[in-house]
């Protein structure tokens, strides 16, 4: 298990702001968290070196690029071959996420395609992997929520657990 990194209020504010808009200027960050730019650079560098910040990137709109089909695939692997199967699947650019999971199935995949025929081809490819005993797929009909931000700054959000009928306060 990976070691948790201790973060202070300034680190949390920086992470929250960078998650919201990673193109924010260093000058603006510096003013908001009330740090001089050299100290801010050191903090960001430390967060990167400690693996808290994995990378800075751009989020693309998959539908605007023609990737209109999103699906999830559950696969049951024979024996203890999960790592082997994962290593085969990880190379496919249509596979966006791979999880080893509990339950009846062993692996969960999130995939994106431009067409149903591409998706069908991919399912045929999965069927040819001998170590996969069986699989089931679910095509997404409508996306209601998709975020990549970690809810680390939850205390500062508009989230209210009572909105879901929960009595326990999560914040």
N, C-alpha and C. Protein backbone atom coordinates (compact mmCIF):
# COMPACT_ATOMS: atom_id res chain seq x y z
N UNK A 1 0.83 -1.19 0.00
CA UNK A 1 0.00 0.00 0.00
C UNK A 1 0.87 1.24 0.00
N UNK A 2 0.46 2.26 -0.74
CA UNK A 2 1.24 3.48 -0.86
C UNK A 2 1.08 4.35 0.38
N UNK A 3 2.17 5.05 0.70
CA UNK A 3 2.18 5.91 1.87
C UNK A 3 1.39 7.19 1.59
N UNK A 4 0.56 7.56 2.56
CA UNK A 4 -0.21 8.81 2.46
C UNK A 4 0.73 9.97 2.76
N UNK A 5 0.61 11.01 1.99
CA UNK A 5 1.43 12.21 2.17
C UNK A 5 0.66 13.22 3.02
N UNK A 6 1.34 13.79 4.03
CA UNK A 6 0.71 14.82 4.85
C UNK A 6 0.72 16.15 4.10
N UNK A 7 -0.43 16.76 4.01
CA UNK A 7 -0.57 18.03 3.30
C UNK A 7 -1.10 19.09 4.25
N UNK A 8 -0.59 20.30 4.10
CA UNK A 8 -1.13 21.39 4.91
C UNK A 8 -2.22 22.12 4.12
N UNK A 9 -2.79 23.17 4.72
CA UNK A 9 -3.89 23.90 4.09
C UNK A 9 -3.49 24.53 2.75
N UNK A 10 -2.25 24.98 2.67
CA UNK A 10 -1.78 25.59 1.43
C UNK A 10 -1.69 24.54 0.33
N UNK A 11 -1.15 23.36 0.65
CA UNK A 11 -1.08 22.27 -0.33
C UNK A 11 -2.48 21.90 -0.83
N UNK A 12 -3.41 21.81 0.09
CA UNK A 12 -4.78 21.43 -0.27
C UNK A 12 -5.40 22.49 -1.17
N UNK A 13 -5.19 23.76 -0.86
CA UNK A 13 -5.71 24.84 -1.69
C UNK A 13 -5.08 24.80 -3.09
N UNK A 14 -3.76 24.57 -3.15
CA UNK A 14 -3.07 24.46 -4.44
C UNK A 14 -3.64 23.31 -5.27
N UNK A 15 -3.78 22.16 -4.66
CA UNK A 15 -4.30 20.99 -5.37
C UNK A 15 -5.72 21.23 -5.87
N UNK A 16 -6.51 21.85 -5.03
CA UNK A 16 -7.89 22.15 -5.42
C UNK A 16 -7.93 23.08 -6.62
N UNK A 17 -7.11 24.11 -6.58
CA UNK A 17 -7.08 25.07 -7.68
C UNK A 17 -6.53 24.44 -8.96
N UNK A 18 -5.49 23.64 -8.84
CA UNK A 18 -4.89 23.00 -10.02
C UNK A 18 -5.83 21.95 -10.62
N UNK A 19 -6.59 21.26 -9.78
CA UNK A 19 -7.57 20.30 -10.31
C UNK A 19 -8.65 21.02 -11.10
N UNK A 20 -9.04 22.18 -10.62
CA UNK A 20 -10.09 22.94 -11.28
C UNK A 20 -9.61 23.50 -12.61
N UNK A 21 -8.36 23.99 -12.63
CA UNK A 21 -7.81 24.57 -13.86
C UNK A 21 -6.28 24.49 -13.81
N UNK A 22 -5.73 23.47 -14.43
CA UNK A 22 -4.27 23.28 -14.37
C UNK A 22 -3.51 24.31 -15.20
N UNK A 23 -4.23 25.12 -15.98
CA UNK A 23 -3.55 26.16 -16.77
C UNK A 23 -3.48 27.49 -16.03
N UNK A 24 -3.91 27.50 -14.78
CA UNK A 24 -3.87 28.72 -13.98
C UNK A 24 -2.42 29.20 -13.89
N UNK A 25 -2.21 30.49 -13.93
CA UNK A 25 -0.85 31.02 -13.91
C UNK A 25 -0.23 30.88 -12.51
N UNK A 26 1.08 30.75 -12.51
CA UNK A 26 1.81 30.67 -11.24
C UNK A 26 1.60 31.97 -10.47
N UNK A 27 1.54 33.07 -11.16
CA UNK A 27 1.31 34.37 -10.50
C UNK A 27 -0.03 34.38 -9.76
N UNK A 28 -1.07 33.90 -10.43
CA UNK A 28 -2.40 33.87 -9.81
C UNK A 28 -2.42 32.90 -8.62
N UNK A 29 -1.80 31.73 -8.79
CA UNK A 29 -1.70 30.78 -7.68
C UNK A 29 -0.98 31.41 -6.50
N UNK A 30 0.12 32.07 -6.81
CA UNK A 30 0.94 32.70 -5.78
C UNK A 30 0.13 33.72 -4.97
N UNK A 31 -0.65 34.54 -5.67
CA UNK A 31 -1.48 35.54 -4.99
C UNK A 31 -2.55 34.89 -4.13
N UNK A 32 -3.19 33.86 -4.68
CA UNK A 32 -4.32 33.22 -3.98
C UNK A 32 -3.89 32.53 -2.70
N UNK A 33 -2.75 31.83 -2.75
CA UNK A 33 -2.30 31.10 -1.55
C UNK A 33 -1.32 31.91 -0.71
N UNK A 34 -1.06 33.14 -1.18
CA UNK A 34 -0.20 34.07 -0.44
C UNK A 34 1.21 33.50 -0.20
N UNK A 35 1.81 33.02 -1.29
CA UNK A 35 3.19 32.53 -1.25
C UNK A 35 3.98 33.22 -2.34
N UNK A 36 5.27 33.45 -2.08
CA UNK A 36 6.13 33.98 -3.13
C UNK A 36 6.35 32.88 -4.16
N UNK A 37 6.58 33.29 -5.39
CA UNK A 37 6.66 32.33 -6.50
C UNK A 37 7.73 31.26 -6.31
N UNK A 38 8.93 31.57 -5.81
CA UNK A 38 9.91 30.49 -5.60
C UNK A 38 9.42 29.42 -4.61
N UNK A 39 8.76 29.86 -3.54
CA UNK A 39 8.22 28.91 -2.56
C UNK A 39 7.09 28.09 -3.17
N UNK A 40 6.27 28.72 -3.98
CA UNK A 40 5.19 28.02 -4.67
C UNK A 40 5.76 26.95 -5.60
N UNK A 41 6.79 27.32 -6.37
CA UNK A 41 7.45 26.35 -7.26
C UNK A 41 7.96 25.15 -6.47
N UNK A 42 8.57 25.40 -5.32
CA UNK A 42 9.09 24.31 -4.47
C UNK A 42 7.96 23.38 -4.02
N UNK A 43 6.85 23.96 -3.62
CA UNK A 43 5.71 23.15 -3.17
C UNK A 43 5.17 22.28 -4.29
N UNK A 44 4.98 22.88 -5.46
CA UNK A 44 4.46 22.12 -6.60
C UNK A 44 5.43 21.02 -6.98
N UNK A 45 6.72 21.33 -7.00
CA UNK A 45 7.76 20.34 -7.32
C UNK A 45 7.72 19.19 -6.30
N UNK A 46 7.57 19.53 -5.00
CA UNK A 46 7.51 18.50 -3.95
C UNK A 46 6.28 17.61 -4.15
N UNK A 47 5.15 18.23 -4.49
CA UNK A 47 3.92 17.45 -4.73
C UNK A 47 4.09 16.53 -5.93
N UNK A 48 4.81 16.96 -6.94
CA UNK A 48 5.10 16.11 -8.10
C UNK A 48 6.05 14.97 -7.72
N UNK A 49 7.13 15.31 -7.02
CA UNK A 49 8.13 14.30 -6.63
C UNK A 49 7.54 13.24 -5.71
N UNK A 50 6.59 13.64 -4.87
CA UNK A 50 5.95 12.68 -3.95
C UNK A 50 4.81 11.91 -4.61
N UNK A 51 4.56 12.20 -5.89
CA UNK A 51 3.53 11.47 -6.62
C UNK A 51 2.11 11.93 -6.36
N UNK A 52 1.94 13.03 -5.61
CA UNK A 52 0.60 13.55 -5.37
C UNK A 52 0.05 14.12 -6.68
N UNK A 53 0.88 14.88 -7.38
CA UNK A 53 0.54 15.34 -8.73
C UNK A 53 1.20 14.36 -9.69
N UNK A 54 0.37 13.61 -10.42
CA UNK A 54 0.90 12.62 -11.35
C UNK A 54 1.41 13.25 -12.63
N UNK A 55 0.63 14.18 -13.18
CA UNK A 55 1.05 14.91 -14.38
C UNK A 55 0.05 16.02 -14.65
N UNK A 56 0.47 16.96 -15.46
CA UNK A 56 -0.40 18.02 -15.93
C UNK A 56 -0.84 17.63 -17.34
N UNK A 57 -2.13 17.74 -17.61
CA UNK A 57 -2.64 17.27 -18.89
C UNK A 57 -3.83 18.09 -19.35
N UNK A 58 -4.35 17.74 -20.50
CA UNK A 58 -5.53 18.38 -21.08
C UNK A 58 -6.62 17.33 -21.15
N UNK A 59 -7.83 17.69 -20.78
CA UNK A 59 -8.96 16.77 -20.91
C UNK A 59 -9.65 17.02 -22.25
N UNK A 60 -9.77 15.96 -23.03
CA UNK A 60 -10.39 16.07 -24.34
C UNK A 60 -11.84 15.63 -24.28
N UNK A 61 -12.66 16.20 -25.14
CA UNK A 61 -14.06 15.81 -25.25
C UNK A 61 -14.12 14.66 -26.25
N UNK A 62 -14.28 13.44 -25.75
CA UNK A 62 -14.24 12.26 -26.62
C UNK A 62 -15.32 12.27 -27.69
N UNK A 63 -16.49 12.78 -27.36
CA UNK A 63 -17.58 12.82 -28.35
C UNK A 63 -17.25 13.77 -29.50
N UNK A 64 -16.63 14.91 -29.21
CA UNK A 64 -16.25 15.86 -30.26
C UNK A 64 -15.20 15.24 -31.19
N UNK A 65 -14.46 14.24 -30.68
CA UNK A 65 -13.45 13.56 -31.48
C UNK A 65 -13.99 12.29 -32.14
N UNK A 66 -15.30 12.06 -31.97
CA UNK A 66 -15.94 10.93 -32.64
C UNK A 66 -16.00 9.65 -31.83
N UNK A 67 -15.52 9.66 -30.60
CA UNK A 67 -15.59 8.46 -29.75
C UNK A 67 -16.91 8.49 -28.99
N UNK A 68 -17.96 8.07 -29.66
CA UNK A 68 -19.32 8.17 -29.12
C UNK A 68 -19.76 6.94 -28.35
N UNK A 69 -18.99 5.88 -28.39
CA UNK A 69 -19.39 4.65 -27.72
C UNK A 69 -18.46 4.38 -26.54
N UNK A 70 -19.04 4.42 -25.35
CA UNK A 70 -18.31 4.07 -24.13
C UNK A 70 -18.94 2.80 -23.59
N UNK A 71 -18.10 1.89 -23.12
CA UNK A 71 -18.62 0.63 -22.57
C UNK A 71 -17.75 0.19 -21.40
N UNK A 72 -18.36 -0.65 -20.58
CA UNK A 72 -17.65 -1.31 -19.49
C UNK A 72 -17.72 -2.80 -19.76
N UNK A 73 -16.61 -3.48 -19.52
CA UNK A 73 -16.55 -4.92 -19.75
C UNK A 73 -16.05 -5.58 -18.48
N UNK A 74 -16.76 -6.59 -18.05
CA UNK A 74 -16.34 -7.42 -16.93
C UNK A 74 -15.81 -8.73 -17.49
N UNK A 75 -14.64 -9.16 -17.02
CA UNK A 75 -14.05 -10.40 -17.52
C UNK A 75 -13.70 -11.33 -16.36
N UNK A 76 -14.03 -12.59 -16.53
CA UNK A 76 -13.68 -13.65 -15.57
C UNK A 76 -12.44 -14.34 -16.12
N UNK A 77 -11.39 -14.40 -15.31
CA UNK A 77 -10.12 -14.98 -15.74
C UNK A 77 -9.94 -16.34 -15.09
N UNK A 78 -9.49 -17.31 -15.89
CA UNK A 78 -9.24 -18.66 -15.37
C UNK A 78 -7.95 -18.68 -14.55
N UNK A 79 -8.02 -19.35 -13.40
CA UNK A 79 -6.83 -19.50 -12.57
C UNK A 79 -6.30 -18.18 -12.07
N UNK A 80 -5.00 -18.11 -11.99
CA UNK A 80 -4.34 -16.91 -11.48
C UNK A 80 -3.66 -16.14 -12.61
N UNK A 81 -4.35 -15.99 -13.71
CA UNK A 81 -3.80 -15.36 -14.90
C UNK A 81 -4.19 -13.89 -15.06
N UNK A 82 -4.70 -13.25 -14.02
CA UNK A 82 -5.16 -11.86 -14.12
C UNK A 82 -4.06 -10.93 -14.62
N UNK A 83 -2.87 -11.05 -14.07
CA UNK A 83 -1.77 -10.16 -14.47
C UNK A 83 -1.43 -10.34 -15.94
N UNK A 84 -1.42 -11.57 -16.40
CA UNK A 84 -1.14 -11.85 -17.80
C UNK A 84 -2.18 -11.19 -18.71
N UNK A 85 -3.45 -11.36 -18.36
CA UNK A 85 -4.53 -10.79 -19.16
C UNK A 85 -4.47 -9.26 -19.12
N UNK A 86 -4.25 -8.69 -17.96
CA UNK A 86 -4.15 -7.24 -17.82
C UNK A 86 -3.02 -6.71 -18.70
N UNK A 87 -1.88 -7.39 -18.70
CA UNK A 87 -0.74 -6.95 -19.52
C UNK A 87 -1.06 -7.01 -21.01
N UNK A 88 -1.91 -7.94 -21.42
CA UNK A 88 -2.33 -8.00 -22.82
C UNK A 88 -3.27 -6.84 -23.16
N UNK A 89 -4.21 -6.58 -22.26
CA UNK A 89 -5.23 -5.56 -22.51
C UNK A 89 -4.70 -4.14 -22.38
N UNK A 90 -3.73 -3.96 -21.55
CA UNK A 90 -3.20 -2.62 -21.25
C UNK A 90 -2.61 -1.96 -22.49
N UNK A 91 -2.19 -2.76 -23.46
CA UNK A 91 -1.56 -2.25 -24.68
C UNK A 91 -2.58 -1.68 -25.67
N UNK A 92 -3.85 -1.99 -25.50
CA UNK A 92 -4.87 -1.55 -26.45
C UNK A 92 -5.26 -0.10 -26.17
N UNK A 93 -5.14 0.79 -27.15
CA UNK A 93 -5.44 2.20 -26.91
C UNK A 93 -6.91 2.49 -26.62
N UNK A 94 -7.81 1.57 -26.94
CA UNK A 94 -9.23 1.77 -26.64
C UNK A 94 -9.55 1.52 -25.17
N UNK A 95 -8.66 0.82 -24.49
CA UNK A 95 -8.84 0.53 -23.06
C UNK A 95 -8.34 1.73 -22.27
N UNK A 96 -9.27 2.46 -21.67
CA UNK A 96 -8.93 3.67 -20.92
C UNK A 96 -8.59 3.37 -19.47
N UNK A 97 -9.27 2.39 -18.90
CA UNK A 97 -9.06 2.05 -17.49
C UNK A 97 -9.18 0.54 -17.33
N UNK A 98 -8.36 0.00 -16.43
CA UNK A 98 -8.43 -1.43 -16.09
C UNK A 98 -8.37 -1.54 -14.57
N UNK A 99 -9.31 -2.29 -14.02
CA UNK A 99 -9.35 -2.52 -12.58
C UNK A 99 -9.39 -4.02 -12.30
N UNK A 100 -8.64 -4.45 -11.30
CA UNK A 100 -8.79 -5.80 -10.77
C UNK A 100 -9.84 -5.66 -9.67
N UNK A 101 -10.91 -6.46 -9.74
CA UNK A 101 -12.05 -6.25 -8.84
C UNK A 101 -12.42 -7.53 -8.08
N UNK A 102 -13.25 -7.34 -7.08
CA UNK A 102 -13.77 -8.47 -6.32
C UNK A 102 -15.10 -8.90 -6.94
N UNK A 103 -15.59 -10.05 -6.52
CA UNK A 103 -16.88 -10.53 -7.00
C UNK A 103 -16.73 -11.65 -8.01
N UNK A 104 -17.78 -11.88 -8.79
CA UNK A 104 -17.80 -12.98 -9.75
C UNK A 104 -16.78 -12.78 -10.87
N UNK A 105 -16.53 -11.52 -11.25
CA UNK A 105 -15.57 -11.22 -12.30
C UNK A 105 -14.26 -10.75 -11.69
N UNK A 106 -13.20 -10.79 -12.46
CA UNK A 106 -11.87 -10.44 -11.97
C UNK A 106 -11.37 -9.08 -12.46
N UNK A 107 -11.81 -8.69 -13.65
CA UNK A 107 -11.30 -7.47 -14.28
C UNK A 107 -12.46 -6.62 -14.78
N UNK A 108 -12.34 -5.31 -14.60
CA UNK A 108 -13.30 -4.35 -15.13
C UNK A 108 -12.55 -3.41 -16.07
N UNK A 109 -13.06 -3.25 -17.29
CA UNK A 109 -12.45 -2.36 -18.28
C UNK A 109 -13.40 -1.23 -18.62
N UNK A 110 -12.85 -0.06 -18.85
CA UNK A 110 -13.60 1.04 -19.45
C UNK A 110 -12.98 1.26 -20.82
N UNK A 111 -13.82 1.23 -21.85
CA UNK A 111 -13.33 1.35 -23.23
C UNK A 111 -14.12 2.41 -23.99
N UNK A 112 -13.51 2.98 -25.03
CA UNK A 112 -14.18 3.95 -25.90
C UNK A 112 -13.89 3.61 -27.35
N UNK A 113 -14.93 3.77 -28.19
CA UNK A 113 -14.82 3.47 -29.62
C UNK A 113 -15.59 4.49 -30.43
N UNK A 114 -15.24 4.56 -31.72
CA UNK A 114 -15.96 5.45 -32.65
C UNK A 114 -17.20 4.78 -33.20
N UNK A 115 -17.23 3.45 -33.21
CA UNK A 115 -18.37 2.78 -33.83
C UNK A 115 -18.65 1.45 -33.13
N UNK A 116 -19.86 0.96 -33.35
CA UNK A 116 -20.25 -0.33 -32.81
C UNK A 116 -19.43 -1.45 -33.45
N UNK A 117 -19.04 -1.29 -34.71
CA UNK A 117 -18.24 -2.32 -35.37
C UNK A 117 -16.85 -2.41 -34.75
N UNK A 118 -16.24 -1.26 -34.38
CA UNK A 118 -14.96 -1.29 -33.67
C UNK A 118 -15.11 -2.01 -32.33
N UNK A 119 -16.19 -1.69 -31.63
CA UNK A 119 -16.45 -2.33 -30.34
C UNK A 119 -16.63 -3.84 -30.52
N UNK A 120 -17.36 -4.24 -31.53
CA UNK A 120 -17.59 -5.66 -31.80
C UNK A 120 -16.27 -6.36 -32.09
N UNK A 121 -15.40 -5.72 -32.85
CA UNK A 121 -14.07 -6.28 -33.14
C UNK A 121 -13.28 -6.48 -31.85
N UNK A 122 -13.37 -5.50 -30.96
CA UNK A 122 -12.67 -5.60 -29.68
C UNK A 122 -13.20 -6.76 -28.85
N UNK A 123 -14.52 -6.93 -28.85
CA UNK A 123 -15.11 -8.06 -28.11
C UNK A 123 -14.64 -9.39 -28.68
N UNK A 124 -14.50 -9.46 -30.01
CA UNK A 124 -13.96 -10.67 -30.64
C UNK A 124 -12.52 -10.92 -30.20
N UNK A 125 -11.75 -9.86 -30.08
CA UNK A 125 -10.36 -9.97 -29.62
C UNK A 125 -10.31 -10.51 -28.19
N UNK A 126 -11.19 -10.00 -27.34
CA UNK A 126 -11.24 -10.48 -25.95
C UNK A 126 -11.62 -11.96 -25.92
N UNK A 127 -12.56 -12.34 -26.76
CA UNK A 127 -13.01 -13.74 -26.80
C UNK A 127 -11.87 -14.69 -27.20
N UNK A 128 -10.88 -14.18 -27.92
CA UNK A 128 -9.75 -15.02 -28.35
C UNK A 128 -8.68 -15.18 -27.27
N UNK A 129 -8.76 -14.41 -26.20
CA UNK A 129 -7.78 -14.56 -25.11
C UNK A 129 -8.20 -15.78 -24.30
N UNK A 130 -7.42 -16.84 -24.41
CA UNK A 130 -7.77 -18.13 -23.80
C UNK A 130 -7.99 -18.06 -22.29
N UNK A 131 -7.25 -17.19 -21.63
CA UNK A 131 -7.33 -17.10 -20.17
C UNK A 131 -8.62 -16.45 -19.68
N UNK A 132 -9.36 -15.80 -20.57
CA UNK A 132 -10.64 -15.21 -20.18
C UNK A 132 -11.72 -16.27 -20.35
N UNK A 133 -12.30 -16.68 -19.22
CA UNK A 133 -13.33 -17.73 -19.22
C UNK A 133 -14.64 -17.20 -19.78
N UNK A 134 -15.02 -15.99 -19.39
CA UNK A 134 -16.21 -15.36 -19.94
C UNK A 134 -16.18 -13.86 -19.64
N UNK A 135 -17.03 -13.14 -20.34
CA UNK A 135 -17.09 -11.69 -20.13
C UNK A 135 -18.50 -11.21 -20.41
N UNK A 136 -18.78 -10.05 -19.91
CA UNK A 136 -20.05 -9.39 -20.19
C UNK A 136 -19.76 -7.91 -20.40
N UNK A 137 -20.54 -7.30 -21.27
CA UNK A 137 -20.29 -5.88 -21.55
C UNK A 137 -21.56 -5.07 -21.35
N UNK A 138 -21.34 -3.81 -21.03
CA UNK A 138 -22.43 -2.86 -20.84
C UNK A 138 -22.10 -1.60 -21.61
N UNK A 139 -22.92 -1.26 -22.57
CA UNK A 139 -22.72 -0.04 -23.35
C UNK A 139 -23.42 1.10 -22.62
N UNK A 140 -22.72 2.22 -22.49
CA UNK A 140 -23.28 3.40 -21.82
C UNK A 140 -24.28 4.06 -22.76
N UNK A 141 -25.51 4.22 -22.29
CA UNK A 141 -26.54 4.89 -23.08
C UNK A 141 -26.49 6.40 -22.91
N UNK A 142 -26.24 6.84 -21.66
CA UNK A 142 -26.17 8.27 -21.39
C UNK A 142 -25.25 8.50 -20.19
N UNK A 143 -24.39 9.45 -20.33
CA UNK A 143 -23.47 9.83 -19.26
C UNK A 143 -24.12 10.93 -18.43
N UNK A 144 -24.20 10.73 -17.12
CA UNK A 144 -24.79 11.73 -16.23
C UNK A 144 -23.73 12.49 -15.44
N UNK A 145 -22.60 11.84 -15.17
CA UNK A 145 -21.53 12.52 -14.43
C UNK A 145 -20.21 11.84 -14.77
N UNK A 146 -19.22 12.67 -15.04
CA UNK A 146 -17.87 12.17 -15.28
C UNK A 146 -16.91 13.22 -14.77
N UNK A 147 -16.16 12.89 -13.76
CA UNK A 147 -15.17 13.82 -13.21
C UNK A 147 -13.84 13.08 -13.06
N UNK A 148 -12.78 13.84 -13.09
CA UNK A 148 -11.46 13.26 -12.84
C UNK A 148 -10.86 13.83 -11.56
N UNK A 149 -11.49 14.86 -11.02
CA UNK A 149 -10.98 15.48 -9.80
C UNK A 149 -11.22 14.57 -8.60
N UNK A 150 -10.21 14.50 -7.74
CA UNK A 150 -10.33 13.78 -6.48
C UNK A 150 -11.08 14.71 -5.52
N UNK A 151 -12.07 14.22 -4.78
CA UNK A 151 -12.86 15.10 -3.90
C UNK A 151 -12.11 15.47 -2.63
N UNK A 152 -10.85 15.84 -2.78
CA UNK A 152 -10.01 16.13 -1.62
C UNK A 152 -10.47 17.36 -0.86
N UNK A 153 -10.93 18.37 -1.57
CA UNK A 153 -11.39 19.60 -0.92
C UNK A 153 -12.87 19.57 -0.60
N UNK A 154 -13.42 18.39 -0.27
CA UNK A 154 -14.85 18.20 -0.04
C UNK A 154 -15.42 19.16 1.00
N UNK A 155 -14.63 19.50 1.99
CA UNK A 155 -15.11 20.39 3.05
C UNK A 155 -15.52 21.76 2.49
N UNK A 156 -14.95 22.15 1.36
CA UNK A 156 -15.23 23.47 0.80
C UNK A 156 -16.26 23.41 -0.33
N UNK A 157 -16.86 22.26 -0.55
CA UNK A 157 -17.78 22.14 -1.68
C UNK A 157 -19.22 22.36 -1.24
N UNK A 158 -20.13 22.28 -2.20
CA UNK A 158 -21.56 22.42 -1.92
C UNK A 158 -22.20 21.06 -1.65
N UNK A 159 -21.40 20.02 -1.48
CA UNK A 159 -21.92 18.68 -1.25
C UNK A 159 -22.58 18.60 0.12
N UNK A 160 -23.77 18.03 0.15
CA UNK A 160 -24.49 17.83 1.40
C UNK A 160 -24.99 16.40 1.43
N UNK A 161 -24.45 15.55 2.34
CA UNK A 161 -24.87 14.14 2.38
C UNK A 161 -26.37 13.98 2.64
N UNK A 162 -27.00 14.96 3.29
CA UNK A 162 -28.42 14.87 3.55
C UNK A 162 -29.23 14.91 2.24
N UNK A 163 -28.64 15.48 1.18
CA UNK A 163 -29.31 15.50 -0.12
C UNK A 163 -29.58 14.09 -0.62
N UNK A 164 -28.78 13.12 -0.18
CA UNK A 164 -28.94 11.73 -0.59
C UNK A 164 -29.74 10.93 0.44
N UNK A 165 -30.18 11.59 1.50
CA UNK A 165 -30.96 10.90 2.52
C UNK A 165 -30.09 10.24 3.58
N UNK A 166 -28.77 10.49 3.55
CA UNK A 166 -27.88 9.90 4.56
C UNK A 166 -27.93 10.72 5.83
N UNK A 167 -27.90 10.04 6.94
CA UNK A 167 -27.89 10.75 8.22
C UNK A 167 -26.47 11.04 8.66
N UNK A 168 -25.50 10.22 8.18
CA UNK A 168 -24.10 10.39 8.58
C UNK A 168 -23.49 11.57 7.84
N UNK A 169 -22.77 12.40 8.57
CA UNK A 169 -22.09 13.54 7.96
C UNK A 169 -20.72 13.10 7.51
N UNK A 170 -20.46 13.17 6.20
CA UNK A 170 -19.19 12.72 5.65
C UNK A 170 -18.12 13.79 5.67
N UNK A 171 -18.47 14.99 6.04
CA UNK A 171 -17.48 16.07 6.00
C UNK A 171 -17.16 16.59 7.37
